[in-house]
Amino acid sequence: MFISNAYAQTATAGSGLDSIMGLLPIILMFVILYFLMIRPQMKRAKEHRALVESLAKGDEIIVASGILGKVTAVKDQYITVEVGNIDGKAVEIMIQKIAVQNVLPKGTIKAL
């Protein structure tokens, strides 16, 4: 009397297109994420790897901590960097190659 009868809906012929359209926003989000975040990061990593592999004696570099210096020796994973002079003696530090942030043009550091 007060409550009406509830009838089940009849099953419609669902197509595969409806399920693909439901996943389309998620797929689109991953495509945008790839082109805006993942791909540029991979490109920067590849450029940094090439920079680290091309280090040679005499290069003037900036280390990730901000130290400027001139490369005096290159080994497999480490480089020796001259960072200054004290009483005519060179002050050298040994750092990992991956800590190199940038290679400067020759002649940039004149105090060494």
PDB file of N, CA and C in Angstrom:
ATOM      1  N   MET A   1       0.803  -1.165   0.000  1.00  0.00           N
ATOM      2  CA  MET A   1       0.000   0.000   0.000  1.00  0.00           C
ATOM      3  C   MET A   1       0.871   1.265   0.000  1.00  0.00           C
ATOM      4  N   PHE A   2       1.774   1.427   0.976  1.00  0.00           N
ATOM      5  CA  PHE A   2       2.649   2.597   0.981  1.00  0.00           C
ATOM      6  C   PHE A   2       3.947   2.359   0.221  1.00  0.00           C
ATOM      7  N   ILE A   3       4.365   1.136   0.121  1.00  0.00           N
ATOM      8  CA  ILE A   3       5.624   0.811  -0.535  1.00  0.00           C
ATOM      9  C   ILE A   3       5.322   0.245  -1.905  1.00  0.00           C
ATOM     10  N   SER A   4       5.963   0.828  -2.896  1.00  0.00           N
ATOM     11  CA  SER A   4       5.744   0.316  -4.248  1.00  0.00           C
ATOM     12  C   SER A   4       6.671  -0.865  -4.500  1.00  0.00           C
ATOM     13  N   ASN A   5       6.312  -1.680  -5.424  1.00  0.00           N
ATOM     14  CA  ASN A   5       7.111  -2.842  -5.762  1.00  0.00           C
ATOM     15  C   ASN A   5       8.376  -2.414  -6.500  1.00  0.00           C
ATOM     16  N   ALA A   6       9.491  -3.071  -6.186  1.00  0.00           N
ATOM     17  CA  ALA A   6      10.757  -2.803  -6.859  1.00  0.00           C
ATOM     18  C   ALA A   6      11.012  -3.915  -7.848  1.00  0.00           C
ATOM     19  N   TYR A   7      11.224  -3.540  -9.067  1.00  0.00           N
ATOM     20  CA  TYR A   7      11.486  -4.523 -10.117  1.00  0.00           C
ATOM     21  C   TYR A   7      12.926  -4.379 -10.583  1.00  0.00           C
ATOM     22  N   ALA A   8      13.550  -5.491 -10.880  1.00  0.00           N
ATOM     23  CA  ALA A   8      14.915  -5.482 -11.378  1.00  0.00           C
ATOM     24  C   ALA A   8      14.914  -4.996 -12.812  1.00  0.00           C
ATOM     25  N   GLN A   9      15.986  -4.268 -13.153  1.00  0.00           N
ATOM     26  CA  GLN A   9      16.090  -3.794 -14.521  1.00  0.00           C
ATOM     27  C   GLN A   9      16.448  -4.954 -15.427  1.00  0.00           C
ATOM     28  N   THR A  10      16.000  -4.860 -16.620  1.00  0.00           N
ATOM     29  CA  THR A  10      16.343  -5.915 -17.571  1.00  0.00           C
ATOM     30  C   THR A  10      17.773  -5.706 -18.030  1.00  0.00           C
ATOM     31  N   ALA A  11      18.477  -6.762 -18.253  1.00  0.00           N
ATOM     32  CA  ALA A  11      19.870  -6.697 -18.670  1.00  0.00           C
ATOM     33  C   ALA A  11      19.949  -6.174 -20.094  1.00  0.00           C
ATOM     34  N   THR A  12      20.801  -5.158 -20.267  1.00  0.00           N
ATOM     35  CA  THR A  12      21.014  -4.625 -21.612  1.00  0.00           C
ATOM     36  C   THR A  12      22.243  -5.281 -22.203  1.00  0.00           C
ATOM     37  N   ALA A  13      22.303  -5.292 -23.469  1.00  0.00           N
ATOM     38  CA  ALA A  13      23.461  -5.873 -24.145  1.00  0.00           C
ATOM     39  C   ALA A  13      24.621  -4.905 -24.023  1.00  0.00           C
ATOM     40  N   GLY A  14      25.537  -5.118 -23.065  1.00  0.00           N
ATOM     41  CA  GLY A  14      26.684  -4.247 -22.843  1.00  0.00           C
ATOM     42  C   GLY A  14      27.755  -4.527 -23.886  1.00  0.00           C
ATOM     43  N   SER A  15      28.400  -3.477 -24.305  1.00  0.00           N
ATOM     44  CA  SER A  15      29.456  -3.659 -25.303  1.00  0.00           C
ATOM     45  C   SER A  15      30.811  -3.444 -24.641  1.00  0.00           C
ATOM     46  N   GLY A  16      31.859  -3.898 -25.303  1.00  0.00           N
ATOM     47  CA  GLY A  16      33.216  -3.710 -24.804  1.00  0.00           C
ATOM     48  C   GLY A  16      33.626  -2.250 -24.853  1.00  0.00           C
ATOM     49  N   LEU A  17      32.944  -1.472 -25.655  1.00  0.00           N
ATOM     50  CA  LEU A  17      33.258  -0.050 -25.779  1.00  0.00           C
ATOM     51  C   LEU A  17      32.987   0.692 -24.471  1.00  0.00           C
ATOM     52  N   ASP A  18      31.957   0.297 -23.756  1.00  0.00           N
ATOM     53  CA  ASP A  18      31.643   0.945 -22.480  1.00  0.00           C
ATOM     54  C   ASP A  18      32.758   0.720 -21.457  1.00  0.00           C
ATOM     55  N   SER A  19      33.310  -0.481 -21.422  1.00  0.00           N
ATOM     56  CA  SER A  19      34.373  -0.756 -20.456  1.00  0.00           C
ATOM     57  C   SER A  19      35.654  -0.017 -20.828  1.00  0.00           C
ATOM     58  N   ILE A  20      35.925   0.123 -22.122  1.00  0.00           N
ATOM     59  CA  ILE A  20      37.109   0.871 -22.546  1.00  0.00           C
ATOM     60  C   ILE A  20      36.936   2.351 -22.235  1.00  0.00           C
ATOM     61  N   MET A  21      35.749   2.874 -22.431  1.00  0.00           N
ATOM     62  CA  MET A  21      35.494   4.284 -22.137  1.00  0.00           C
ATOM     63  C   MET A  21      35.615   4.555 -20.640  1.00  0.00           C
ATOM     64  N   GLY A  22      35.339   3.561 -19.819  1.00  0.00           N
ATOM     65  CA  GLY A  22      35.502   3.718 -18.382  1.00  0.00           C
ATOM     66  C   GLY A  22      36.970   3.775 -17.978  1.00  0.00           C
ATOM     67  N   LEU A  23      37.834   3.073 -18.718  1.00  0.00           N
ATOM     68  CA  LEU A  23      39.264   3.060 -18.418  1.00  0.00           C
ATOM     69  C   LEU A  23      40.018   4.193 -19.111  1.00  0.00           C
ATOM     70  N   LEU A  24      39.403   4.857 -20.044  1.00  0.00           N
ATOM     71  CA  LEU A  24      40.067   5.895 -20.818  1.00  0.00           C
ATOM     72  C   LEU A  24      40.662   7.012 -19.961  1.00  0.00           C
ATOM     73  N   PRO A  25      39.984   7.542 -18.958  1.00  0.00           N
ATOM     74  CA  PRO A  25      40.613   8.598 -18.135  1.00  0.00           C
ATOM     75  C   PRO A  25      41.877   8.129 -17.413  1.00  0.00           C
ATOM     76  N   ILE A  26      41.883   6.890 -16.950  1.00  0.00           N
ATOM     77  CA  ILE A  26      43.057   6.357 -16.251  1.00  0.00           C
ATOM     78  C   ILE A  26      44.216   6.187 -17.224  1.00  0.00           C
ATOM     79  N   ILE A  27      43.938   5.654 -18.396  1.00  0.00           N
ATOM     80  CA  ILE A  27      44.979   5.479 -19.415  1.00  0.00           C
ATOM     81  C   ILE A  27      45.522   6.835 -19.836  1.00  0.00           C
ATOM     82  N   LEU A  28      44.650   7.794 -20.047  1.00  0.00           N
ATOM     83  CA  LEU A  28      45.064   9.139 -20.428  1.00  0.00           C
ATOM     84  C   LEU A  28      45.940   9.776 -19.347  1.00  0.00           C
ATOM     85  N   MET A  29      45.621   9.544 -18.082  1.00  0.00           N
ATOM     86  CA  MET A  29      46.407  10.084 -16.982  1.00  0.00           C
ATOM     87  C   MET A  29      47.829   9.509 -16.994  1.00  0.00           C
ATOM     88  N   PHE A  30      47.971   8.213 -17.249  1.00  0.00           N
ATOM     89  CA  PHE A  30      49.297   7.609 -17.301  1.00  0.00           C
ATOM     90  C   PHE A  30      50.102   8.106 -18.497  1.00  0.00           C
ATOM     91  N   VAL A  31      49.457   8.339 -19.613  1.00  0.00           N
ATOM     92  CA  VAL A  31      50.158   8.876 -20.792  1.00  0.00           C
ATOM     93  C   VAL A  31      50.673  10.279 -20.497  1.00  0.00           C
ATOM     94  N   ILE A  32      49.849  11.104 -19.899  1.00  0.00           N
ATOM     95  CA  ILE A  32      50.273  12.463 -19.548  1.00  0.00           C
ATOM     96  C   ILE A  32      51.396  12.425 -18.521  1.00  0.00           C
ATOM     97  N   LEU A  33      51.301  11.551 -17.531  1.00  0.00           N
ATOM     98  CA  LEU A  33      52.345  11.395 -16.523  1.00  0.00           C
ATOM     99  C   LEU A  33      53.662  11.001 -17.172  1.00  0.00           C
ATOM    100  N   TYR A  34      53.607  10.106 -18.139  1.00  0.00           N
ATOM    101  CA  TYR A  34      54.828   9.666 -18.815  1.00  0.00           C
ATOM    102  C   TYR A  34      55.494  10.830 -19.533  1.00  0.00           C
ATOM    103  N   PHE A  35      54.729  11.592 -20.308  1.00  0.00           N
ATOM    104  CA  PHE A  35      55.326  12.659 -21.104  1.00  0.00           C
ATOM    105  C   PHE A  35      55.725  13.884 -20.279  1.00  0.00           C
ATOM    106  N   LEU A  36      55.088  14.127 -19.148  1.00  0.00           N
ATOM    107  CA  LEU A  36      55.419  15.301 -18.353  1.00  0.00           C
ATOM    108  C   LEU A  36      56.441  15.044 -17.256  1.00  0.00           C
ATOM    109  N   MET A  37      56.547  13.800 -16.786  1.00  0.00           N
ATOM    110  CA  MET A  37      57.439  13.540 -15.663  1.00  0.00           C
ATOM    111  C   MET A  37      58.500  12.487 -15.949  1.00  0.00           C
ATOM    112  N   ILE A  38      58.111  11.345 -16.423  1.00  0.00           N
ATOM    113  CA  ILE A  38      59.038  10.221 -16.545  1.00  0.00           C
ATOM    114  C   ILE A  38      60.030  10.434 -17.683  1.00  0.00           C
ATOM    115  N   ARG A  39      59.547  10.807 -18.846  1.00  0.00           N
ATOM    116  CA  ARG A  39      60.420  10.968 -20.003  1.00  0.00           C
ATOM    117  C   ARG A  39      61.475  12.066 -19.806  1.00  0.00           C
ATOM    118  N   PRO A  40      61.115  13.268 -19.301  1.00  0.00           N
ATOM    119  CA  PRO A  40      62.157  14.277 -19.061  1.00  0.00           C
ATOM    120  C   PRO A  40      63.196  13.845 -18.024  1.00  0.00           C
ATOM    121  N   GLN A  41      62.753  13.103 -17.001  1.00  0.00           N
ATOM    122  CA  GLN A  41      63.704  12.633 -15.999  1.00  0.00           C
ATOM    123  C   GLN A  41      64.682  11.632 -16.608  1.00  0.00           C
ATOM    124  N   MET A  42      64.197  10.765 -17.462  1.00  0.00           N
ATOM    125  CA  MET A  42      65.082   9.799 -18.125  1.00  0.00           C
ATOM    126  C   MET A  42      66.085  10.521 -19.030  1.00  0.00           C
ATOM    127  N   LYS A  43      65.647  11.590 -19.680  1.00  0.00           N
ATOM    128  CA  LYS A  43      66.527  12.360 -20.551  1.00  0.00           C
ATOM    129  C   LYS A  43      67.627  13.030 -19.737  1.00  0.00           C
ATOM    130  N   ARG A  44      67.269  13.643 -18.587  1.00  0.00           N
ATOM    131  CA  ARG A  44      68.272  14.270 -17.727  1.00  0.00           C
ATOM    132  C   ARG A  44      69.259  13.239 -17.184  1.00  0.00           C
ATOM    133  N   ALA A  45      68.772  12.071 -16.820  1.00  0.00           N
ATOM    134  CA  ALA A  45      69.655  11.022 -16.300  1.00  0.00           C
ATOM    135  C   ALA A  45      70.634  10.568 -17.376  1.00  0.00           C
ATOM    136  N   LYS A  46      70.177  10.464 -18.611  1.00  0.00           N
ATOM    137  CA  LYS A  46      71.042  10.062 -19.715  1.00  0.00           C
ATOM    138  C   LYS A  46      72.110  11.120 -19.974  1.00  0.00           C
ATOM    139  N   GLU A  47      71.738  12.400 -19.919  1.00  0.00           N
ATOM    140  CA  GLU A  47      72.701  13.486 -20.109  1.00  0.00           C
ATOM    141  C   GLU A  47      73.734  13.506 -18.982  1.00  0.00           C
ATOM    142  N   HIS A  48      73.293  13.265 -17.738  1.00  0.00           N
ATOM    143  CA  HIS A  48      74.223  13.257 -16.609  1.00  0.00           C
ATOM    144  C   HIS A  48      75.189  12.078 -16.723  1.00  0.00           C
ATOM    145  N   ARG A  49      74.686  10.927 -17.141  1.00  0.00           N
ATOM    146  CA  ARG A  49      75.538   9.756 -17.332  1.00  0.00           C
ATOM    147  C   ARG A  49      76.614  10.043 -18.385  1.00  0.00           C
ATOM    148  N   ALA A  50      76.243  10.713 -19.478  1.00  0.00           N
ATOM    149  CA  ALA A  50      77.204  11.065 -20.522  1.00  0.00           C
ATOM    150  C   ALA A  50      78.228  12.070 -19.989  1.00  0.00           C
ATOM    151  N   LEU A  51      77.787  13.025 -19.168  1.00  0.00           N
ATOM    152  CA  LEU A  51      78.690  14.004 -18.587  1.00  0.00           C
ATOM    153  C   LEU A  51      79.706  13.327 -17.679  1.00  0.00           C
ATOM    154  N   VAL A  52      79.255  12.406 -16.847  1.00  0.00           N
ATOM    155  CA  VAL A  52      80.138  11.707 -15.914  1.00  0.00           C
ATOM    156  C   VAL A  52      81.148  10.839 -16.675  1.00  0.00           C
ATOM    157  N   GLU A  53      80.703  10.195 -17.740  1.00  0.00           N
ATOM    158  CA  GLU A  53      81.608   9.339 -18.505  1.00  0.00           C
ATOM    159  C   GLU A  53      82.651  10.140 -19.278  1.00  0.00           C
ATOM    160  N   SER A  54      82.346  11.391 -19.597  1.00  0.00           N
ATOM    161  CA  SER A  54      83.274  12.189 -20.393  1.00  0.00           C
ATOM    162  C   SER A  54      84.254  13.004 -19.552  1.00  0.00           C
ATOM    163  N   LEU A  55      84.235  12.841 -18.232  1.00  0.00           N
ATOM    164  CA  LEU A  55      85.164  13.589 -17.386  1.00  0.00           C
ATOM    165  C   LEU A  55      86.601  13.212 -17.712  1.00  0.00           C
ATOM    166  N   ALA A  56      87.461  14.239 -17.775  1.00  0.00           N
ATOM    167  CA  ALA A  56      88.866  14.010 -18.078  1.00  0.00           C
ATOM    168  C   ALA A  56      89.721  14.925 -17.217  1.00  0.00           C
ATOM    169  N   LYS A  57      90.999  14.616 -17.155  1.00  0.00           N
ATOM    170  CA  LYS A  57      91.938  15.422 -16.387  1.00  0.00           C
ATOM    171  C   LYS A  57      91.972  16.832 -16.982  1.00  0.00           C
ATOM    172  N   GLY A  58      91.915  17.835 -16.105  1.00  0.00           N
ATOM    173  CA  GLY A  58      91.949  19.223 -16.540  1.00  0.00           C
ATOM    174  C   GLY A  58      90.582  19.885 -16.641  1.00  0.00           C
ATOM    175  N   ASP A  59      89.502  19.104 -16.579  1.00  0.00           N
ATOM    176  CA  ASP A  59      88.157  19.681 -16.621  1.00  0.00           C
ATOM    177  C   ASP A  59      87.891  20.471 -15.345  1.00  0.00           C
ATOM    178  N   GLU A  60      87.206  21.584 -15.488  1.00  0.00           N
ATOM    179  CA  GLU A  60      86.796  22.383 -14.337  1.00  0.00           C
ATOM    180  C   GLU A  60      85.335  22.061 -14.063  1.00  0.00           C
ATOM    181  N   ILE A  61      85.042  21.711 -12.810  1.00  0.00           N
ATOM    182  CA  ILE A  61      83.724  21.170 -12.480  1.00  0.00           C
ATOM    183  C   ILE A  61      83.101  21.882 -11.286  1.00  0.00           C
ATOM    184  N   ILE A  62      81.785  21.683 -11.153  1.00  0.00           N
ATOM    185  CA  ILE A  62      81.040  22.054  -9.951  1.00  0.00           C
ATOM    186  C   ILE A  62      80.472  20.753  -9.382  1.00  0.00           C
ATOM    187  N   VAL A  63      80.743  20.528  -8.109  1.00  0.00           N
ATOM    188  CA  VAL A  63      80.237  19.340  -7.426  1.00  0.00           C
ATOM    189  C   VAL A  63      78.854  19.683  -6.872  1.00  0.00           C
ATOM    190  N   ALA A  64      78.035  18.681  -6.630  1.00  0.00           N
ATOM    191  CA  ALA A  64      76.676  18.889  -6.143  1.00  0.00           C
ATOM    192  C   ALA A  64      76.630  19.698  -4.856  1.00  0.00           C
ATOM    193  N   SER A  65      77.689  19.657  -4.054  1.00  0.00           N
ATOM    194  CA  SER A  65      77.722  20.425  -2.806  1.00  0.00           C
ATOM    195  C   SER A  65      78.113  21.876  -3.037  1.00  0.00           C
ATOM    196  N   GLY A  66      78.472  22.239  -4.278  1.00  0.00           N
ATOM    197  CA  GLY A  66      78.818  23.616  -4.599  1.00  0.00           C
ATOM    198  C   GLY A  66      80.307  23.880  -4.675  1.00  0.00           C
ATOM    199  N   ILE A  67      81.115  22.879  -4.509  1.00  0.00           N
ATOM    200  CA  ILE A  67      82.564  23.042  -4.557  1.00  0.00           C
ATOM    201  C   ILE A  67      83.012  23.160  -6.008  1.00  0.00           C
ATOM    202  N   LEU A  68      83.871  24.140  -6.280  1.00  0.00           N
ATOM    203  CA  LEU A  68      84.471  24.305  -7.598  1.00  0.00           C
ATOM    204  C   LEU A  68      85.873  23.733  -7.566  1.00  0.00           C
ATOM    205  N   GLY A  69      86.293  23.115  -8.649  1.00  0.00           N
ATOM    206  CA  GLY A  69      87.641  22.583  -8.686  1.00  0.00           C
ATOM    207  C   GLY A  69      88.023  22.087 -10.058  1.00  0.00           C
ATOM    208  N   LYS A  70      89.294  21.676 -10.152  1.00  0.00           N
ATOM    209  CA  LYS A  70      89.838  21.167 -11.404  1.00  0.00           C
ATOM    210  C   LYS A  70      90.183  19.689 -11.223  1.00  0.00           C
ATOM    211  N   VAL A  71      89.762  18.861 -12.150  1.00  0.00           N
ATOM    212  CA  VAL A  71      90.001  17.423 -12.077  1.00  0.00           C
ATOM    213  C   VAL A  71      91.485  17.165 -12.308  1.00  0.00           C
ATOM    214  N   THR A  72      92.122  16.420 -11.377  1.00  0.00           N
ATOM    215  CA  THR A  72      93.540  16.085 -11.521  1.00  0.00           C
ATOM    216  C   THR A  72      93.760  14.604 -11.797  1.00  0.00           C
ATOM    217  N   ALA A  73      92.794  13.763 -11.468  1.00  0.00           N
ATOM    218  CA  ALA A  73      92.917  12.327 -11.730  1.00  0.00           C
ATOM    219  C   ALA A  73      91.518  11.727 -11.850  1.00  0.00           C
ATOM    220  N   VAL A  74      91.392  10.764 -12.762  1.00  0.00           N
ATOM    221  CA  VAL A  74      90.104  10.098 -12.992  1.00  0.00           C
ATOM    222  C   VAL A  74      90.306   8.603 -12.813  1.00  0.00           C
ATOM    223  N   LYS A  75      89.483   8.004 -11.964  1.00  0.00           N
ATOM    224  CA  LYS A  75      89.502   6.552 -11.767  1.00  0.00           C
ATOM    225  C   LYS A  75      88.137   6.006 -12.150  1.00  0.00           C
ATOM    226  N   ASP A  76      87.864   4.745 -11.842  1.00  0.00           N
ATOM    227  CA  ASP A  76      86.599   4.124 -12.242  1.00  0.00           C
ATOM    228  C   ASP A  76      85.387   4.847 -11.681  1.00  0.00           C
ATOM    229  N   GLN A  77      85.314   4.988 -10.359  1.00  0.00           N
ATOM    230  CA  GLN A  77      84.155   5.608  -9.731  1.00  0.00           C
ATOM    231  C   GLN A  77      84.472   6.910  -9.016  1.00  0.00           C
ATOM    232  N   TYR A  78      85.746   7.233  -8.891  1.00  0.00           N
ATOM    233  CA  TYR A  78      86.153   8.419  -8.145  1.00  0.00           C
ATOM    234  C   TYR A  78      87.020   9.319  -9.004  1.00  0.00           C
ATOM    235  N   ILE A  79      87.010  10.611  -8.661  1.00  0.00           N
ATOM    236  CA  ILE A  79      87.912  11.562  -9.288  1.00  0.00           C
ATOM    237  C   ILE A  79      88.596  12.355  -8.184  1.00  0.00           C
ATOM    238  N   THR A  80      89.796  12.828  -8.473  1.00  0.00           N
ATOM    239  CA  THR A  80      90.512  13.695  -7.556  1.00  0.00           C
ATOM    240  C   THR A  80      90.387  15.110  -8.093  1.00  0.00           C
ATOM    241  N   VAL A  81      89.991  16.026  -7.205  1.00  0.00           N
ATOM    242  CA  VAL A  81      89.723  17.401  -7.610  1.00  0.00           C
ATOM    243  C   VAL A  81      90.605  18.341  -6.798  1.00  0.00           C
ATOM    244  N   GLU A  82      91.301  19.229  -7.501  1.00  0.00           N
ATOM    245  CA  GLU A  82      92.092  20.262  -6.842  1.00  0.00           C
ATOM    246  C   GLU A  82      91.166  21.432  -6.549  1.00  0.00           C
ATOM    247  N   VAL A  83      91.060  21.792  -5.265  1.00  0.00           N
ATOM    248  CA  VAL A  83      90.136  22.845  -4.869  1.00  0.00           C
ATOM    249  C   VAL A  83      90.828  24.126  -4.429  1.00  0.00           C
ATOM    250  N   GLY A  84      92.147  24.114  -4.316  1.00  0.00           N
ATOM    251  CA  GLY A  84      92.846  25.332  -3.922  1.00  0.00           C
ATOM    252  C   GLY A  84      94.313  25.074  -3.669  1.00  0.00           C
ATOM    253  N   ASN A  85      95.023  26.136  -3.228  1.00  0.00           N
ATOM    254  CA  ASN A  85      96.445  26.053  -2.895  1.00  0.00           C
ATOM    255  C   ASN A  85      96.667  26.654  -1.521  1.00  0.00           C
ATOM    256  N   ILE A  86      97.485  26.001  -0.729  1.00  0.00           N
ATOM    257  CA  ILE A  86      97.895  26.531   0.564  1.00  0.00           C
ATOM    258  C   ILE A  86      99.411  26.463   0.609  1.00  0.00           C
ATOM    259  N   ASP A  87     100.060  27.617   0.709  1.00  0.00           N
ATOM    260  CA  ASP A  87     101.520  27.719   0.742  1.00  0.00           C
ATOM    261  C   ASP A  87     102.155  26.996  -0.441  1.00  0.00           C
ATOM    262  N   GLY A  88     101.563  27.107  -1.598  1.00  0.00           N
ATOM    263  CA  GLY A  88     102.127  26.494  -2.804  1.00  0.00           C
ATOM    264  C   GLY A  88     101.800  25.025  -2.965  1.00  0.00           C
ATOM    265  N   LYS A  89     101.103  24.447  -2.013  1.00  0.00           N
ATOM    266  CA  LYS A  89     100.732  23.037  -2.115  1.00  0.00           C
ATOM    267  C   LYS A  89      99.268  22.942  -2.542  1.00  0.00           C
ATOM    268  N   ALA A  90      99.006  22.044  -3.459  1.00  0.00           N
ATOM    269  CA  ALA A  90      97.639  21.866  -3.961  1.00  0.00           C
ATOM    270  C   ALA A  90      96.795  21.123  -2.922  1.00  0.00           C
ATOM    271  N   VAL A  91      95.581  21.607  -2.712  1.00  0.00           N
ATOM    272  CA  VAL A  91      94.633  20.944  -1.824  1.00  0.00           C
ATOM    273  C   VAL A  91      93.699  20.130  -2.719  1.00  0.00           C
ATOM    274  N   GLU A  92      93.719  18.811  -2.533  1.00  0.00           N
ATOM    275  CA  GLU A  92      92.924  17.925  -3.378  1.00  0.00           C
ATOM    276  C   GLU A  92      91.946  17.127  -2.531  1.00  0.00           C
ATOM    277  N   ILE A  93      90.784  16.881  -3.117  1.00  0.00           N
ATOM    278  CA  ILE A  93      89.796  16.019  -2.471  1.00  0.00           C
ATOM    279  C   ILE A  93      89.401  14.931  -3.460  1.00  0.00           C
ATOM    280  N   MET A  94      88.964  13.816  -2.926  1.00  0.00           N
ATOM    281  CA  MET A  94      88.514  12.711  -3.764  1.00  0.00           C
ATOM    282  C   MET A  94      86.996  12.603  -3.616  1.00  0.00           C
ATOM    283  N   ILE A  95      86.291  12.606  -4.735  1.00  0.00           N
ATOM    284  CA  ILE A  95      84.831  12.543  -4.717  1.00  0.00           C
ATOM    285  C   ILE A  95      84.349  11.482  -5.694  1.00  0.00           C
ATOM    286  N   GLN A  96      83.097  11.089  -5.543  1.00  0.00           N
ATOM    287  CA  GLN A  96      82.495  10.159  -6.490  1.00  0.00           C
ATOM    288  C   GLN A  96      82.152  10.900  -7.769  1.00  0.00           C
ATOM    289  N   LYS A  97      82.248  10.203  -8.888  1.00  0.00           N
ATOM    290  CA  LYS A  97      81.950  10.823 -10.175  1.00  0.00           C
ATOM    291  C   LYS A  97      80.511  11.312 -10.261  1.00  0.00           C
ATOM    292  N   ILE A  98      79.584  10.566  -9.658  1.00  0.00           N
ATOM    293  CA  ILE A  98      78.177  10.938  -9.786  1.00  0.00           C
ATOM    294  C   ILE A  98      77.844  12.226  -9.041  1.00  0.00           C
ATOM    295  N   ALA A  99      78.763  12.721  -8.195  1.00  0.00           N
ATOM    296  CA  ALA A  99      78.531  13.968  -7.478  1.00  0.00           C
ATOM    297  C   ALA A  99      78.797  15.187  -8.352  1.00  0.00           C
ATOM    298  N   VAL A 100      79.371  14.994  -9.527  1.00  0.00           N
ATOM    299  CA  VAL A 100      79.649  16.115 -10.424  1.00  0.00           C
ATOM    300  C   VAL A 100      78.327  16.613 -10.988  1.00  0.00           C
ATOM    301  N   GLN A 101      78.104  17.905 -10.834  1.00  0.00           N
ATOM    302  CA  GLN A 101      76.845  18.490 -11.279  1.00  0.00           C
ATOM    303  C   GLN A 101      76.982  19.145 -12.642  1.00  0.00           C
ATOM    304  N   ASN A 102      78.133  19.782 -12.896  1.00  0.00           N
ATOM    305  CA  ASN A 102      78.288  20.522 -14.136  1.00  0.00           C
ATOM    306  C   ASN A 102      79.764  20.630 -14.479  1.00  0.00           C
ATOM    307  N   VAL A 103      80.077  20.681 -15.769  1.00  0.00           N
ATOM    308  CA  VAL A 103      81.429  20.920 -16.237  1.00  0.00           C
ATOM    309  C   VAL A 103      81.460  22.354 -16.757  1.00  0.00           C
ATOM    310  N   LEU A 104      82.433  23.131 -16.245  1.00  0.00           N
ATOM    311  CA  LEU A 104      82.562  24.535 -16.621  1.00  0.00           C
ATOM    312  C   LEU A 104      83.464  24.679 -17.835  1.00  0.00           C
ATOM    313  N   PRO A 105      83.343  25.793 -18.554  1.00  0.00           N
ATOM    314  CA  PRO A 105      84.287  26.049 -19.651  1.00  0.00           C
ATOM    315  C   PRO A 105      85.699  26.222 -19.113  1.00  0.00           C
ATOM    316  N   LYS A 106      86.682  25.858 -19.900  1.00  0.00           N
ATOM    317  CA  LYS A 106      88.089  25.974 -19.480  1.00  0.00           C
ATOM    318  C   LYS A 106      88.435  27.428 -19.198  1.00  0.00           C
ATOM    319  N   GLY A 107      89.177  27.649 -18.114  1.00  0.00           N
ATOM    320  CA  GLY A 107      89.589  28.994 -17.743  1.00  0.00           C
ATOM    321  C   GLY A 107      88.624  29.717 -16.835  1.00  0.00           C
ATOM    322  N   THR A 108      87.550  29.077 -16.427  1.00  0.00           N
ATOM    323  CA  THR A 108      86.576  29.717 -15.555  1.00  0.00           C
ATOM    324  C   THR A 108      87.143  29.919 -14.155  1.00  0.00           C
ATOM    325  N   ILE A 109      87.840  28.927 -13.658  1.00  0.00           N
ATOM    326  CA  ILE A 109      88.440  29.011 -12.314  1.00  0.00           C
ATOM    327  C   ILE A 109      89.876  29.501 -12.485  1.00  0.00           C
ATOM    328  N   LYS A 110      90.153  30.716 -12.033  1.00  0.00           N
ATOM    329  CA  LYS A 110      91.490  31.282 -12.218  1.00  0.00           C
ATOM    330  C   LYS A 110      92.295  31.284 -10.946  1.00  0.00           C
ATOM    331  N   ALA A 111      91.661  31.040  -9.797  1.00  0.00           N
ATOM    332  CA  ALA A 111      92.375  31.104  -8.516  1.00  0.00           C
ATOM    333  C   ALA A 111      93.259  29.889  -8.294  1.00  0.00           C
ATOM    334  N   LEU A 112      93.033  28.810  -9.014  1.00  0.00           N
ATOM    335  CA  LEU A 112      93.851  27.610  -8.800  1.00  0.00           C
ATOM    336  C   LEU A 112      95.114  27.797  -9.532  1.00  0.00           C
TER     337      LEU A 112
END
